[in-house]
């Protein structure tokens, strides 16, 4: 990526923008190829979700992720570049798309600012290949036309656009300047509240046979086919009077309830959105250092401090849950060590306490060796035993048969990568597919020897409650 020494803040006017874009067109002519151009500005404090809601269009791509407890949020919308892939090479194919895009990219502005420069928003389905008719690709990636981020008390706005050798620079200047003005309007005190509708959802249908599927999985475990398998349920809802459900309105409720989770929304540009509040980081890379985690085993939260502590202590000493969590940790080590990563982690798991559930949790860290990139690690980690099973190949091969519905992005890998190779991915859990007035909710549980079909059903009910409460308002 070419970084030009131009301060866009000091030249924030249409004339200077026109001159800059003329330079970019000359650079596109020099290589006879389109170039991605990215302008980064620091702007007054604003809420990225509010900005996204203000300009929300159901038929445009968007991406949103926030961890309220970390005061960190990232939003992007409208694709200027997009790419899709499928099959076992989908991670490598996406890396090649990123590399080729950045090779011809031009950036201005403070590239050390939080979330500066172009970002690649991407999602990978649980399976390498999706089924016909599913709303999201098995691997989808896009660069947004605009992006707004909040981190460490600073708000950064980024405009991305394509300049070709024959671009109409005058028209492009008007378009970019208009986008700049929209962000300025969003940052103003008079933005006000959105009047976009929100419907109340009611239960329509539910997938059946979950207890029977768990019983069958236990038979397969006893026969030695695998040690663990994760089985999910899906519940369908429909809004009364076919009122469209607004994904960002639901998301706002999720982020208020679950500050320690990744509140997220991903839209495919064809009217469907995948939203949720995921408790599980898949991996993060920052300054060549990787962070991931082993998260498995569940218990409810208590109504009082003493009850909560007792439930947590029981979880920490529950042989079935500890064994399930150890399967996840062992798989992470087995998958990443061939890349040359020197992993470090605590000897014993701790507790990750969320608003309505607590899990066994072990953080895992390692420096990235030379030549290893984020998507290399992601390709080896996904799907983890926390959402698939172990051994992975044997367990994953049985999931479609036992569940009876397509997972799509449920338990998939969702996240972003920047121009410097930094990025963060989380697992698509505690989630729902929003399609007009319809919503499909997902929740799963890990099945190991000693699991009870009734208790696993109850665990999924606890996990459903978060997104269901948001839908019901």
Protein backbone atom coordinates (compact mmCIF):
# COMPACT_ATOMS: atom_id res chain seq x y z
CA UNK A 1 0.00 0.00 0.00
CA UNK A 2 1.27 3.45 -0.94
CA UNK A 3 0.90 5.99 1.89
CA UNK A 4 1.02 9.58 0.66
CA UNK A 5 2.24 12.38 3.01
CA UNK A 6 -0.97 14.39 2.74
CA UNK A 7 -2.92 15.68 5.73
CA UNK A 8 -6.62 15.38 4.76
CA UNK A 9 -7.70 17.36 7.82
CA UNK A 10 -5.73 20.42 6.70
CA UNK A 11 -7.10 20.05 3.17
CA UNK A 12 -10.73 19.22 3.91
CA UNK A 13 -12.37 21.11 1.05
CA UNK A 14 -13.68 20.12 -2.40
CA UNK A 15 -10.85 21.86 -4.31
CA UNK A 16 -8.10 20.03 -2.41
CA UNK A 17 -10.02 16.76 -2.76
CA UNK A 18 -10.29 17.24 -6.53
CA UNK A 19 -6.53 17.83 -6.78
CA UNK A 20 -5.82 14.72 -4.71
CA UNK A 21 -8.10 12.54 -6.81
CA UNK A 22 -6.42 13.80 -9.97
CA UNK A 23 -3.12 12.53 -8.53
CA UNK A 24 -4.75 9.18 -7.79
CA UNK A 25 -6.06 8.89 -11.33
CA UNK A 26 -2.57 9.60 -12.68
CA UNK A 27 -1.26 6.79 -10.48
CA UNK A 28 -3.97 4.47 -11.83
CA UNK A 29 -3.00 5.41 -15.39
CA UNK A 30 0.65 4.60 -14.59
CA UNK A 31 -0.19 0.95 -13.86
CA UNK A 32 -3.27 0.79 -16.11
CA UNK A 33 -5.36 -0.68 -13.28
CA UNK A 34 -7.97 0.57 -10.81
CA UNK A 35 -6.65 1.59 -7.41
CA UNK A 36 -8.32 1.52 -4.02
CA UNK A 37 -8.01 4.95 -2.39
CA UNK A 38 -8.50 5.34 1.37
CA UNK A 39 -8.80 8.63 3.30
CA UNK A 40 -8.60 8.57 7.12
CA UNK A 41 -9.83 11.45 9.29
CA UNK A 42 -10.20 11.81 13.02
CA UNK A 43 -13.69 13.21 13.72
CA UNK A 44 -15.66 14.42 16.75
CA UNK A 45 -16.96 11.75 19.10
CA UNK A 46 -19.90 9.75 17.80
CA UNK A 47 -21.54 6.34 18.17
CA UNK A 48 -20.69 4.13 15.15
CA UNK A 49 -23.93 2.17 15.58
CA UNK A 50 -25.95 5.38 15.51
CA UNK A 51 -24.23 6.40 12.28
CA UNK A 52 -24.89 3.01 10.73
CA UNK A 53 -28.53 3.13 11.78
CA UNK A 54 -28.91 6.63 10.34
CA UNK A 55 -27.90 5.57 6.83
CA UNK A 56 -29.07 1.93 7.02
CA UNK A 57 -30.21 0.45 3.70
CA UNK A 58 -31.51 -3.14 3.70
CA UNK A 59 -30.00 -3.83 0.28
CA UNK A 60 -26.47 -2.61 1.06
CA UNK A 61 -23.74 -4.62 2.75
CA UNK A 62 -22.81 -3.59 6.26
CA UNK A 63 -20.63 -4.82 9.10
CA UNK A 64 -20.74 -3.87 12.76
CA UNK A 65 -18.94 -5.16 15.83
CA UNK A 66 -18.67 -3.70 19.32
CA UNK A 67 -17.39 -4.71 22.75
CA UNK A 68 -18.97 -2.08 25.02
CA UNK A 69 -16.83 -3.12 28.01
CA UNK A 70 -13.73 -2.19 25.99
CA UNK A 71 -15.26 1.04 24.60
CA UNK A 72 -14.46 -0.22 21.11
CA UNK A 73 -16.75 -0.29 18.06
CA UNK A 74 -16.30 -0.58 14.29
CA UNK A 75 -18.87 -0.02 11.52
CA UNK A 76 -18.70 -0.12 7.75
CA UNK A 77 -21.23 -0.05 4.92
CA UNK A 78 -21.64 -0.14 1.15
CA UNK A 79 -19.10 -2.29 -0.66
CA UNK A 80 -16.62 -0.72 -3.05
CA UNK A 81 -14.91 -4.10 -3.47
CA UNK A 82 -16.20 -7.58 -2.68
CA UNK A 83 -15.05 -11.15 -3.16
CA UNK A 84 -16.35 -14.62 -2.35
CA UNK A 85 -14.81 -18.08 -2.20
CA UNK A 86 -15.74 -21.61 -1.22
CA UNK A 87 -14.16 -24.93 -0.39
CA UNK A 88 -11.06 -25.87 1.56
CA UNK A 89 -8.93 -23.08 0.02
CA UNK A 90 -11.30 -20.25 0.91
CA UNK A 91 -8.98 -18.68 3.51
CA UNK A 92 -6.01 -18.71 1.10
CA UNK A 93 -8.20 -17.31 -1.70
CA UNK A 94 -9.31 -14.44 0.53
CA UNK A 95 -5.70 -13.71 1.50
CA UNK A 96 -4.77 -13.43 -2.18
CA UNK A 97 -7.66 -11.00 -2.70
CA UNK A 98 -6.44 -8.86 0.22
CA UNK A 99 -2.84 -8.91 -1.03
CA UNK A 100 -3.74 -7.96 -4.59
CA UNK A 101 -6.02 -5.14 -3.38
CA UNK A 102 -3.40 -3.66 -1.06
CA UNK A 103 -0.65 -3.89 -3.69
CA UNK A 104 -2.40 -1.11 -5.64
CA UNK A 105 -3.97 0.79 -2.72
CA UNK A 106 -3.30 4.45 -1.88
CA UNK A 107 -3.83 5.80 1.63
CA UNK A 108 -3.70 9.25 3.22
CA UNK A 109 -4.26 10.38 6.78
CA UNK A 110 -2.82 9.25 10.10
CA UNK A 111 -2.31 5.52 9.64
CA UNK A 112 -1.47 5.13 13.34
CA UNK A 113 -4.97 6.23 14.39
CA UNK A 114 -7.26 3.46 15.71
CA UNK A 115 -8.80 1.53 12.80
CA UNK A 116 -7.13 3.76 10.20
CA UNK A 117 -6.93 2.81 6.53
CA UNK A 118 -8.91 0.26 4.54
CA UNK A 119 -10.38 -2.72 6.38
CA UNK A 120 -11.55 -6.02 4.97
CA UNK A 121 -14.75 -7.21 6.63
CA UNK A 122 -15.19 -10.93 6.22
CA UNK A 123 -17.24 -13.92 7.33
CA UNK A 124 -16.70 -17.66 6.93
CA UNK A 125 -19.55 -20.12 7.31
CA UNK A 126 -19.23 -23.05 9.69
CA UNK A 127 -18.79 -25.53 6.84
CA UNK A 128 -16.37 -25.05 3.92
CA UNK A 129 -19.34 -25.08 1.55
CA UNK A 130 -22.81 -23.69 2.13
CA UNK A 131 -25.97 -25.34 0.86
CA UNK A 132 -27.94 -24.00 -2.15
CA UNK A 133 -30.16 -21.07 -1.26
CA UNK A 134 -28.31 -20.01 1.90
CA UNK A 135 -28.17 -16.21 2.28
CA UNK A 136 -24.43 -15.89 2.97
CA UNK A 137 -21.44 -17.20 1.02
CA UNK A 138 -19.13 -19.80 2.53
CA UNK A 139 -16.49 -17.03 2.45
CA UNK A 140 -17.45 -13.42 1.82
CA UNK A 141 -15.23 -10.35 2.09
CA UNK A 142 -15.77 -6.67 1.29
CA UNK A 143 -14.12 -3.26 1.60
CA UNK A 144 -16.69 -0.66 2.74
CA UNK A 145 -17.30 2.67 1.06
CA UNK A 146 -17.22 4.24 4.48
CA UNK A 147 -16.20 3.14 7.93
CA UNK A 148 -16.46 4.71 11.40
CA UNK A 149 -14.68 3.40 14.49
CA UNK A 150 -14.40 4.27 18.16
CA UNK A 151 -11.41 3.14 20.23
CA UNK A 152 -9.58 4.56 23.23
CA UNK A 153 -11.84 7.60 23.23
CA UNK A 154 -10.95 8.50 19.60
CA UNK A 155 -13.33 8.36 16.63
CA UNK A 156 -11.90 7.65 13.18
CA UNK A 157 -13.75 7.94 9.86
CA UNK A 158 -12.45 6.31 6.70
CA UNK A 159 -13.70 6.80 3.14
CA UNK A 160 -12.75 4.17 0.56
CA UNK A 161 -13.35 4.40 -3.18
CA UNK A 162 -12.03 3.09 -6.48
CA UNK A 163 -10.17 5.32 -8.94
CA UNK A 164 -9.75 3.97 -12.47
CA UNK A 165 -7.63 5.34 -15.33
CA UNK A 166 -10.80 6.81 -16.87
CA UNK A 167 -12.67 7.88 -13.69
CA UNK A 168 -14.82 11.02 -13.85
CA UNK A 169 -12.91 12.87 -11.14
CA UNK A 170 -15.42 15.71 -10.83
CA UNK A 171 -18.30 13.28 -10.19
CA UNK A 172 -16.16 11.22 -7.82
CA UNK A 173 -15.20 14.35 -5.87
CA UNK A 174 -18.86 15.20 -5.37
CA UNK A 175 -19.63 11.68 -4.18
CA UNK A 176 -16.74 11.57 -1.70
CA UNK A 177 -17.48 15.06 -0.39
CA UNK A 178 -21.14 14.12 0.07
CA UNK A 179 -20.08 11.08 2.14
CA UNK A 180 -17.81 13.33 4.22
CA UNK A 181 -20.72 15.68 4.90
CA UNK A 182 -22.95 12.78 5.97
CA UNK A 183 -20.41 11.71 8.58
CA UNK A 184 -20.19 15.32 9.78
CA UNK A 185 -23.98 15.44 10.10
CA UNK A 186 -23.97 12.20 12.07
CA UNK A 187 -21.45 13.68 14.49
CA UNK A 188 -23.60 16.76 15.11
CA UNK A 189 -25.69 17.10 18.30
CA UNK A 190 -28.90 17.44 16.30
CA UNK A 191 -28.81 13.96 14.77
CA UNK A 192 -31.78 12.87 16.86
CA UNK A 193 -33.38 9.46 17.16
CA UNK A 194 -34.08 7.14 14.27
CA UNK A 195 -37.73 6.50 13.48
CA UNK A 196 -37.03 3.23 11.69
CA UNK A 197 -39.60 0.59 12.68
CA UNK A 198 -39.11 -2.27 15.07
CA UNK A 199 -41.53 -5.16 15.33
CA UNK A 200 -42.33 -7.45 18.21
CA UNK A 201 -41.60 -11.06 17.30
CA UNK A 202 -43.73 -14.06 18.23
CA UNK A 203 -42.82 -17.70 18.09
CA UNK A 204 -43.68 -19.38 14.78
CA UNK A 205 -41.94 -22.76 14.57
CA UNK A 206 -39.13 -24.67 16.22
CA UNK A 207 -36.80 -27.43 15.07
CA UNK A 208 -37.71 -30.70 16.75
CA UNK A 209 -35.85 -33.80 17.85
CA UNK A 210 -32.95 -32.20 19.71
CA UNK A 211 -33.02 -34.64 22.62
CA UNK A 212 -33.07 -37.56 20.16
CA UNK A 213 -30.09 -36.07 18.31
CA UNK A 214 -28.16 -35.81 21.58
CA UNK A 215 -29.00 -39.43 22.42
CA UNK A 216 -27.75 -40.54 19.00
CA UNK A 217 -24.55 -38.51 19.46
CA UNK A 218 -23.94 -40.23 22.80
CA UNK A 219 -24.24 -43.61 21.07
CA UNK A 220 -21.62 -42.53 18.52
CA UNK A 221 -19.33 -41.31 21.31
CA UNK A 222 -19.71 -44.65 23.12
CA UNK A 223 -18.83 -46.41 19.85
CA UNK A 224 -15.59 -44.39 19.65
CA UNK A 225 -16.44 -42.32 16.54
CA UNK A 226 -15.52 -39.06 18.29
CA UNK A 227 -15.02 -37.70 21.82
CA UNK A 228 -17.18 -34.59 21.52
CA UNK A 229 -19.71 -33.08 19.14
CA UNK A 230 -21.53 -29.75 19.32
CA UNK A 231 -25.19 -29.89 18.35
CA UNK A 232 -27.32 -26.81 17.79
CA UNK A 233 -30.99 -25.95 17.66
CA UNK A 234 -32.77 -23.40 15.49
CA UNK A 235 -36.02 -21.64 16.41
CA UNK A 236 -38.02 -19.59 13.91
CA UNK A 237 -39.95 -16.44 14.78
CA UNK A 238 -42.19 -14.14 12.74
CA UNK A 239 -43.23 -10.59 13.53
CA UNK A 240 -46.97 -9.89 13.75
CA UNK A 241 -48.52 -8.29 10.67
CA UNK A 242 -45.31 -9.05 8.75
CA UNK A 243 -43.61 -5.94 10.20
CA UNK A 244 -39.93 -6.00 9.14
CA UNK A 245 -37.51 -6.57 12.01
CA UNK A 246 -34.75 -3.97 12.11
CA UNK A 247 -31.42 -5.73 12.82
CA UNK A 248 -29.71 -2.67 14.26
CA UNK A 249 -32.55 -1.97 16.68
CA UNK A 250 -32.27 -5.51 17.98
CA UNK A 251 -28.49 -5.14 18.10
CA UNK A 252 -28.77 -2.04 20.26
CA UNK A 253 -30.64 -4.11 22.85
CA UNK A 254 -27.98 -6.81 22.73
CA UNK A 255 -25.07 -4.46 23.30
CA UNK A 256 -26.81 -2.92 26.30
CA UNK A 257 -27.43 -6.34 27.87
CA UNK A 258 -24.09 -8.00 27.07
CA UNK A 259 -21.26 -5.50 27.42
CA UNK A 260 -18.62 -8.25 27.63
CA UNK A 261 -19.66 -9.87 24.34
CA UNK A 262 -19.08 -9.07 20.68
CA UNK A 263 -22.33 -7.41 19.57
CA UNK A 264 -22.37 -7.79 15.81
CA UNK A 265 -24.38 -7.38 12.61
CA UNK A 266 -23.41 -8.49 9.13
CA UNK A 267 -25.64 -7.75 6.11
CA UNK A 268 -25.32 -9.52 2.75
CA UNK A 269 -26.65 -6.66 0.58
CA UNK A 270 -29.71 -8.69 -0.43
CA UNK A 271 -31.92 -7.98 2.56
CA UNK A 272 -30.69 -10.50 5.15
CA UNK A 273 -28.61 -9.77 8.25
CA UNK A 274 -26.85 -12.06 10.71
CA UNK A 275 -26.73 -10.57 14.20
CA UNK A 276 -25.79 -11.65 17.69
CA UNK A 277 -23.87 -11.17 20.93
CA UNK A 278 -21.02 -13.67 20.85
CA UNK A 279 -19.04 -14.47 24.01
CA UNK A 280 -16.21 -16.17 22.14
CA UNK A 281 -13.12 -14.64 20.56
CA UNK A 282 -11.71 -16.90 17.87
CA UNK A 283 -8.46 -15.02 17.55
CA UNK A 284 -6.93 -11.55 17.56
CA UNK A 285 -3.67 -10.44 15.99
CA UNK A 286 -2.16 -7.15 17.07
CA UNK A 287 1.44 -6.13 16.35
CA UNK A 288 2.37 -9.70 15.38
CA UNK A 289 1.00 -11.20 18.60
CA UNK A 290 -1.86 -13.72 18.53
CA UNK A 291 -4.47 -14.12 21.25
CA UNK A 292 -7.11 -16.86 21.27
CA UNK A 293 -9.04 -18.71 23.97
CA UNK A 294 -10.53 -22.04 24.96
CA UNK A 295 -14.14 -21.49 26.00
CA UNK A 296 -16.41 -24.43 26.84
CA UNK A 297 -18.61 -25.76 29.63
CA UNK A 298 -21.59 -23.76 30.85
CA UNK A 299 -23.52 -22.96 34.00
CA UNK A 300 -26.26 -20.39 34.71
CA UNK A 301 -25.65 -17.23 36.73
CA UNK A 302 -27.00 -17.11 40.25
CA UNK A 303 -29.67 -14.80 41.63
CA UNK A 304 -27.36 -13.80 44.51
CA UNK A 305 -23.60 -13.46 44.90
CA UNK A 306 -23.38 -16.63 47.01
CA UNK A 307 -25.51 -18.66 44.58
CA UNK A 308 -23.47 -17.35 41.65
CA UNK A 309 -20.20 -18.30 43.36
CA UNK A 310 -21.54 -21.76 44.15
CA UNK A 311 -22.59 -22.34 40.55
CA UNK A 312 -19.17 -21.18 39.35
CA UNK A 313 -17.34 -23.44 41.80
CA UNK A 314 -19.45 -26.40 40.71
CA UNK A 315 -18.58 -25.67 37.08
CA UNK A 316 -14.86 -25.49 37.87
CA UNK A 317 -14.99 -28.95 39.47
CA UNK A 318 -17.47 -30.63 37.14
CA UNK A 319 -15.57 -33.50 35.50
CA UNK A 320 -17.69 -33.49 32.34
CA UNK A 321 -17.34 -29.72 31.75
CA UNK A 322 -13.62 -29.64 32.60
CA UNK A 323 -13.03 -32.50 30.17
CA UNK A 324 -15.02 -30.71 27.46
CA UNK A 325 -12.98 -27.53 27.94
CA UNK A 326 -9.70 -29.50 27.88
CA UNK A 327 -10.68 -30.94 24.49
CA UNK A 328 -10.90 -27.38 23.16
CA UNK A 329 -7.56 -26.31 24.63
CA UNK A 330 -5.77 -29.43 23.38
CA UNK A 331 -7.16 -28.87 19.88
CA UNK A 332 -5.94 -25.27 19.81
CA UNK A 333 -2.43 -26.43 20.68
CA UNK A 334 -2.54 -29.26 18.15
CA UNK A 335 -3.77 -26.97 15.35
CA UNK A 336 -1.47 -24.00 15.91
CA UNK A 337 1.85 -25.54 16.93
CA UNK A 338 2.63 -26.81 13.36
CA UNK A 339 2.74 -23.12 12.33
CA UNK A 340 5.66 -22.65 14.72
CA UNK A 341 3.68 -20.79 17.38
CA UNK A 342 5.01 -21.01 20.94
CA UNK A 343 1.77 -21.03 22.91
CA UNK A 344 1.45 -19.95 26.54
CA UNK A 345 -1.61 -20.29 28.78
CA UNK A 346 -2.58 -20.78 32.45
CA UNK A 347 -2.45 -24.33 33.76
CA UNK A 348 -6.07 -24.28 34.97
CA UNK A 349 -9.18 -22.68 33.47
CA UNK A 350 -10.92 -19.71 35.04
CA UNK A 351 -14.50 -18.48 34.76
CA UNK A 352 -15.84 -16.18 32.07
CA UNK A 353 -18.97 -14.62 33.57
CA UNK A 354 -21.56 -13.17 31.19
CA UNK A 355 -24.93 -11.63 31.93
CA UNK A 356 -26.89 -14.90 31.91
CA UNK A 357 -24.29 -17.69 31.76
CA UNK A 358 -20.73 -18.51 32.84
CA UNK A 359 -18.14 -20.63 31.03
CA UNK A 360 -14.77 -22.26 31.67
CA UNK A 361 -12.14 -20.08 30.01
CA UNK A 362 -8.41 -20.29 29.23
CA UNK A 363 -6.62 -17.46 27.33
CA UNK A 364 -3.88 -18.58 24.91
CA UNK A 365 -1.15 -16.29 23.52
CA UNK A 366 1.81 -16.54 21.14
CA UNK A 367 4.00 -14.30 18.95
CA UNK A 368 3.43 -14.84 15.22
CA UNK A 369 6.51 -16.28 13.49
CA UNK A 370 7.76 -14.61 10.31
CA UNK A 371 5.70 -15.58 7.31
CA UNK A 372 2.62 -16.59 9.33
CA UNK A 373 -0.44 -14.36 9.00
CA UNK A 374 -3.81 -14.09 10.66
CA UNK A 375 -5.70 -16.09 8.04
CA UNK A 376 -3.12 -18.89 8.26
CA UNK A 377 -3.98 -19.32 11.93
CA UNK A 378 -7.70 -18.86 11.34
CA UNK A 379 -7.75 -21.58 8.69
CA UNK A 380 -6.26 -24.04 11.18
CA UNK A 381 -8.44 -23.03 14.15
CA UNK A 382 -11.87 -22.89 12.50
CA UNK A 383 -14.04 -24.61 13.51
CA UNK A 384 -12.82 -25.17 17.06
CA UNK A 385 -14.06 -28.07 19.22
CA UNK A 386 -16.13 -25.47 21.11
CA UNK A 387 -18.48 -25.31 18.11
CA UNK A 388 -17.66 -28.49 16.15
CA UNK A 389 -16.19 -31.32 18.15
CA UNK A 390 -13.13 -33.53 18.44
CA UNK A 391 -11.67 -35.19 16.48
CA UNK A 392 -12.81 -32.36 14.26
CA UNK A 393 -13.23 -34.22 10.96
CA UNK A 394 -15.26 -37.06 12.44
CA UNK A 395 -17.53 -34.81 14.50
CA UNK A 396 -18.16 -32.17 11.82
CA UNK A 397 -19.06 -34.89 9.32
CA UNK A 398 -22.04 -35.89 11.52
CA UNK A 399 -23.39 -32.43 12.36
CA UNK A 400 -25.54 -31.88 9.27
CA UNK A 401 -27.14 -35.31 9.66
CA UNK A 402 -27.94 -34.90 13.36
CA UNK A 403 -29.07 -31.24 13.33
CA UNK A 404 -31.24 -31.32 10.22
CA UNK A 405 -30.88 -27.63 9.23
CA UNK A 406 -28.16 -25.54 7.52
CA UNK A 407 -25.89 -23.68 9.93
CA UNK A 408 -24.80 -20.95 7.52
CA UNK A 409 -22.87 -18.37 9.56
CA UNK A 410 -23.95 -19.86 12.87
CA UNK A 411 -20.70 -20.89 14.64
CA UNK A 412 -18.81 -19.39 11.70
CA UNK A 413 -15.82 -17.03 11.86
CA UNK A 414 -16.66 -13.31 11.57
CA UNK A 415 -14.27 -10.39 11.75
CA UNK A 416 -11.95 -7.91 10.09
CA UNK A 417 -8.38 -7.51 8.83
CA UNK A 418 -6.59 -4.19 8.28
CA UNK A 419 -3.85 -3.18 5.86
CA UNK A 420 -1.11 -4.04 8.40
CA UNK A 421 -2.22 -7.62 9.04
CA UNK A 422 -3.92 -6.86 12.35
CA UNK A 423 -7.42 -8.14 12.89
CA UNK A 424 -9.92 -9.83 15.12
CA UNK A 425 -12.38 -12.68 14.62
CA UNK A 426 -15.13 -13.99 16.85
CA UNK A 427 -17.47 -16.98 16.62
CA UNK A 428 -21.02 -16.42 15.34
CA UNK A 429 -22.82 -17.56 18.52
CA UNK A 430 -25.93 -16.37 20.44
CA UNK A 431 -27.09 -15.31 17.01
CA UNK A 432 -30.03 -14.87 14.64
CA UNK A 433 -30.63 -14.60 10.91
CA UNK A 434 -32.94 -11.64 10.21
CA UNK A 435 -34.91 -11.70 6.95
CA UNK A 436 -37.67 -9.10 6.77
CA UNK A 437 -40.30 -10.05 9.39
CA UNK A 438 -38.66 -13.43 10.03
CA UNK A 439 -35.88 -14.42 12.41
CA UNK A 440 -34.13 -17.73 12.94
CA UNK A 441 -32.36 -18.06 16.29
CA UNK A 442 -29.49 -20.48 16.96
CA UNK A 443 -27.98 -22.02 20.10
CA UNK A 444 -25.93 -25.15 20.73
CA UNK A 445 -24.29 -27.30 23.41
CA UNK A 446 -21.26 -29.57 23.57
CA UNK A 447 -22.01 -33.28 23.87
CA UNK A 448 -19.47 -35.57 25.57
CA UNK A 449 -19.67 -38.85 27.46
CA UNK A 450 -21.85 -38.19 30.50
CA UNK A 451 -24.00 -35.55 28.80
CA UNK A 452 -27.73 -35.63 29.45
CA UNK A 453 -30.17 -34.89 26.58
CA UNK A 454 -32.42 -32.96 28.98
CA UNK A 455 -29.60 -30.90 30.48
CA UNK A 456 -28.18 -30.05 27.05
CA UNK A 457 -31.63 -28.92 25.94
CA UNK A 458 -31.85 -26.70 29.03
CA UNK A 459 -28.41 -25.24 28.23
CA UNK A 460 -29.58 -24.19 24.78
CA UNK A 461 -32.66 -22.60 26.34
CA UNK A 462 -30.41 -20.43 28.54
CA UNK A 463 -28.41 -19.36 25.49
CA UNK A 464 -31.53 -18.62 23.45
CA UNK A 465 -32.82 -16.26 26.09
CA UNK A 466 -30.44 -13.40 25.27
CA UNK A 467 -31.36 -12.93 21.63
CA UNK A 468 -35.00 -13.90 22.21
CA UNK A 469 -35.42 -11.13 24.79
CA UNK A 470 -33.97 -8.64 22.30
CA UNK A 471 -36.42 -9.79 19.63
CA UNK A 472 -39.37 -9.56 21.99
CA UNK A 473 -38.31 -6.07 23.04
